[in-house]
Protein backbone atom coordinates (compact mmCIF):
# COMPACT_ATOMS: atom_id res chain seq x y z
CA UNK A 1 -18.11 39.40 51.14
CA UNK A 2 -18.81 37.02 48.49
CA UNK A 3 -16.28 36.35 45.78
CA UNK A 4 -16.20 38.48 42.52
CA UNK A 5 -14.95 35.26 40.43
CA UNK A 6 -17.85 35.55 38.05
CA UNK A 7 -16.48 39.01 36.84
CA UNK A 8 -13.74 37.46 35.72
CA UNK A 9 -15.31 34.64 33.36
CA UNK A 10 -17.31 34.61 30.23
CA UNK A 11 -20.31 37.18 30.26
CA UNK A 12 -23.05 37.66 27.36
CA UNK A 13 -22.72 41.08 25.81
CA UNK A 14 -26.64 41.31 25.98
CA UNK A 15 -26.27 40.97 30.09
CA UNK A 16 -23.64 43.70 29.73
CA UNK A 17 -25.75 46.15 27.96
CA UNK A 18 -28.52 45.56 30.34
CA UNK A 19 -26.34 45.58 33.46
CA UNK A 20 -24.42 48.54 32.48
CA UNK A 21 -21.34 49.93 33.32
CA UNK A 22 -19.69 49.25 36.50
CA UNK A 23 -20.40 52.59 38.41
CA UNK A 24 -17.10 54.12 40.42
CA UNK A 25 -16.79 56.69 42.27
CA UNK A 26 -14.97 57.55 45.72
CA UNK A 27 -17.44 55.28 47.54
CA UNK A 28 -18.56 52.90 44.94
CA UNK A 29 -15.19 51.66 43.28
CA UNK A 30 -14.01 49.02 46.17
CA UNK A 31 -17.19 46.98 46.22
CA UNK A 32 -19.31 48.24 43.30
CA UNK A 33 -18.37 45.03 41.34
CA UNK A 34 -20.63 42.83 43.63
CA UNK A 35 -23.68 45.27 42.56
CA UNK A 36 -22.73 44.95 39.12
CA UNK A 37 -22.92 41.04 39.45
CA UNK A 38 -26.21 41.26 40.82
CA UNK A 39 -27.46 43.28 38.16
CA UNK A 40 -26.05 40.41 36.21
CA UNK A 41 -27.87 37.92 37.86
CA UNK A 42 -31.11 39.31 36.44
CA UNK A 43 -30.38 37.49 33.23
CA UNK A 44 -29.85 34.21 35.09
CA UNK A 45 -27.43 32.07 37.29
CA UNK A 46 -23.62 32.08 36.80
CA UNK A 47 -22.19 28.93 35.50
CA UNK A 48 -18.63 27.72 36.50
CA UNK A 49 -16.06 27.25 33.73
CA UNK A 50 -13.70 24.29 34.95
CA UNK A 51 -10.65 25.92 33.72
CA UNK A 52 -8.69 29.28 34.35
CA UNK A 53 -9.57 31.64 31.49
CA UNK A 54 -6.85 34.15 33.09
CA UNK A 55 -4.73 35.11 36.16
CA UNK A 56 -5.32 38.19 37.89
CA UNK A 57 -2.39 40.22 38.98
CA UNK A 58 -3.32 41.65 42.37
CA UNK A 59 -1.02 44.88 43.28
CA UNK A 60 -0.62 47.24 45.88
CA UNK A 61 -2.96 50.07 44.12
CA UNK A 62 -5.50 47.80 43.59
CA UNK A 63 -9.20 49.25 44.78
CA UNK A 64 -9.21 46.43 47.17
CA UNK A 65 -5.83 46.97 48.95
CA UNK A 66 -6.55 50.46 48.95
CA UNK A 67 -10.02 49.65 50.84
CA UNK A 68 -8.55 47.80 53.62
CA UNK A 69 -6.40 51.18 54.35
CA UNK A 70 -9.21 53.41 54.49
CA UNK A 71 -10.03 55.07 58.00
CA UNK A 72 -13.42 53.59 59.50
CA UNK A 73 -15.72 56.53 58.38
CA UNK A 74 -14.65 56.23 54.82
CA UNK A 75 -15.38 52.29 54.96
CA UNK A 76 -18.88 52.90 56.21
CA UNK A 77 -19.52 55.25 53.16
CA UNK A 78 -18.45 52.38 50.95
CA UNK A 79 -20.36 49.70 52.82
CA UNK A 80 -23.12 52.10 52.78
CA UNK A 81 -23.33 52.53 49.10
CA UNK A 82 -22.63 48.95 48.71
CA UNK A 83 -26.16 48.58 50.52
CA UNK A 84 -27.85 51.00 48.45
CA UNK A 85 -26.62 49.11 45.13
CA UNK A 86 -27.76 45.78 45.93
CA UNK A 87 -30.97 47.14 47.30
CA UNK A 88 -31.31 48.73 43.82
CA UNK A 89 -30.23 46.02 42.22
CA UNK A 90 -32.42 43.10 43.83
CA UNK A 91 -35.42 45.28 44.31
CA UNK A 92 -36.74 44.98 40.28
CA UNK A 93 -36.64 40.91 41.04
CA UNK A 94 -38.97 40.96 44.02
CA UNK A 95 -42.88 40.53 43.05
CA UNK A 96 -43.96 39.83 46.42
CA UNK A 97 -43.63 41.48 49.75
CA UNK A 98 -42.33 37.89 51.14
CA UNK A 99 -39.51 38.31 48.15
CA UNK A 100 -38.69 42.10 49.20
CA UNK A 101 -38.59 41.05 52.87
CA UNK A 102 -36.05 37.79 52.30
CA UNK A 103 -34.19 40.13 50.06
CA UNK A 104 -34.17 43.08 52.29
CA UNK A 105 -32.73 40.58 55.52
CA UNK A 106 -30.29 38.85 52.76
CA UNK A 107 -28.77 42.46 52.04
CA UNK A 108 -28.95 43.40 56.04
CA UNK A 109 -27.11 40.24 57.09
CA UNK A 110 -24.35 40.49 54.64
CA UNK A 111 -23.73 44.40 54.35
CA UNK A 112 -25.02 45.48 57.78
CA UNK A 113 -24.77 42.78 60.23
CA UNK A 114 -21.54 40.95 59.10
CA UNK A 115 -19.36 43.71 58.69
CA UNK A 116 -20.33 45.14 62.33
CA UNK A 117 -18.54 42.40 63.74
CA UNK A 118 -15.04 44.06 62.76
CA UNK A 119 -15.78 46.38 65.73
CA UNK A 120 -15.54 49.70 63.34
CA UNK A 121 -19.15 50.63 63.41
CA UNK A 122 -22.69 50.21 65.27
CA UNK A 123 -25.27 48.16 63.44
CA UNK A 124 -28.31 50.38 64.28
CA UNK A 125 -26.07 53.82 63.47
CA UNK A 126 -24.79 52.35 60.74
CA UNK A 127 -28.36 51.16 59.27
CA UNK A 128 -29.58 54.63 59.72
CA UNK A 129 -26.67 55.94 57.68
CA UNK A 130 -27.64 53.24 54.74
CA UNK A 131 -31.10 54.67 55.13
CA UNK A 132 -29.70 58.25 54.63
CA UNK A 133 -27.61 57.41 51.75
CA UNK A 134 -30.69 55.62 50.16
CA UNK A 135 -32.34 59.25 50.57
CA UNK A 136 -29.46 60.86 49.07
CA UNK A 137 -29.43 58.64 45.96
CA UNK A 138 -33.38 59.48 45.70
CA UNK A 139 -34.32 55.75 46.16
CA UNK A 140 -35.75 56.11 49.81
CA UNK A 141 -38.87 54.59 48.33
CA UNK A 142 -36.85 51.15 47.64
CA UNK A 143 -37.62 50.28 51.51
CA UNK A 144 -40.65 51.11 52.80
CA UNK A 145 -41.27 52.76 56.23
CA UNK A 146 -42.78 49.82 57.78
CA UNK A 147 -39.99 47.61 56.15
CA UNK A 148 -37.18 49.82 57.75
CA UNK A 149 -38.96 49.15 61.24
CA UNK A 150 -39.06 45.45 60.56
CA UNK A 151 -35.68 45.40 59.60
CA UNK A 152 -34.53 47.44 62.47
CA UNK A 153 -36.12 45.46 64.86
CA UNK A 154 -34.23 42.28 63.39
CA UNK A 155 -30.76 43.99 63.70
CA UNK A 156 -31.62 44.33 67.39
CA UNK A 157 -32.68 40.47 67.59
CA UNK A 158 -29.60 39.65 66.18
CA UNK A 159 -27.28 41.88 68.05
CA UNK A 160 -28.95 40.83 71.46
CA UNK A 161 -27.90 37.02 70.55
């Protein structure tokens, strides 16, 4: 997963208003910061500030620490919710079918294929769980049936490597 460091920087209040609050529920809490950062990117790129603005205290009860203690089925639910959040955040930025396909591939690579190497889930089965989660959230239209088929074939090709 990428760094959440941009969340610890300076953010324009207009961008925060546009992105909304960081959603937090039992599935979103550990990873939702990445969805929120994707929404912030709609306003422009992040810029690095060369000096530390503050230091983060890592503690045993943090969302991240708790995530690593979850059983595999709960981790799958968290990752599936990350998938739906990223698809929802990025889709409005895609203006052509090629942009949609590139964005979808990037999210599948990062959320479906990359974590499957942790050996706690099967990529094809997990992709189906992600699509089910999209349906549950009422956002199944964000990935058309033809796009789902293309992505599933891509997953299969990647797993054959």
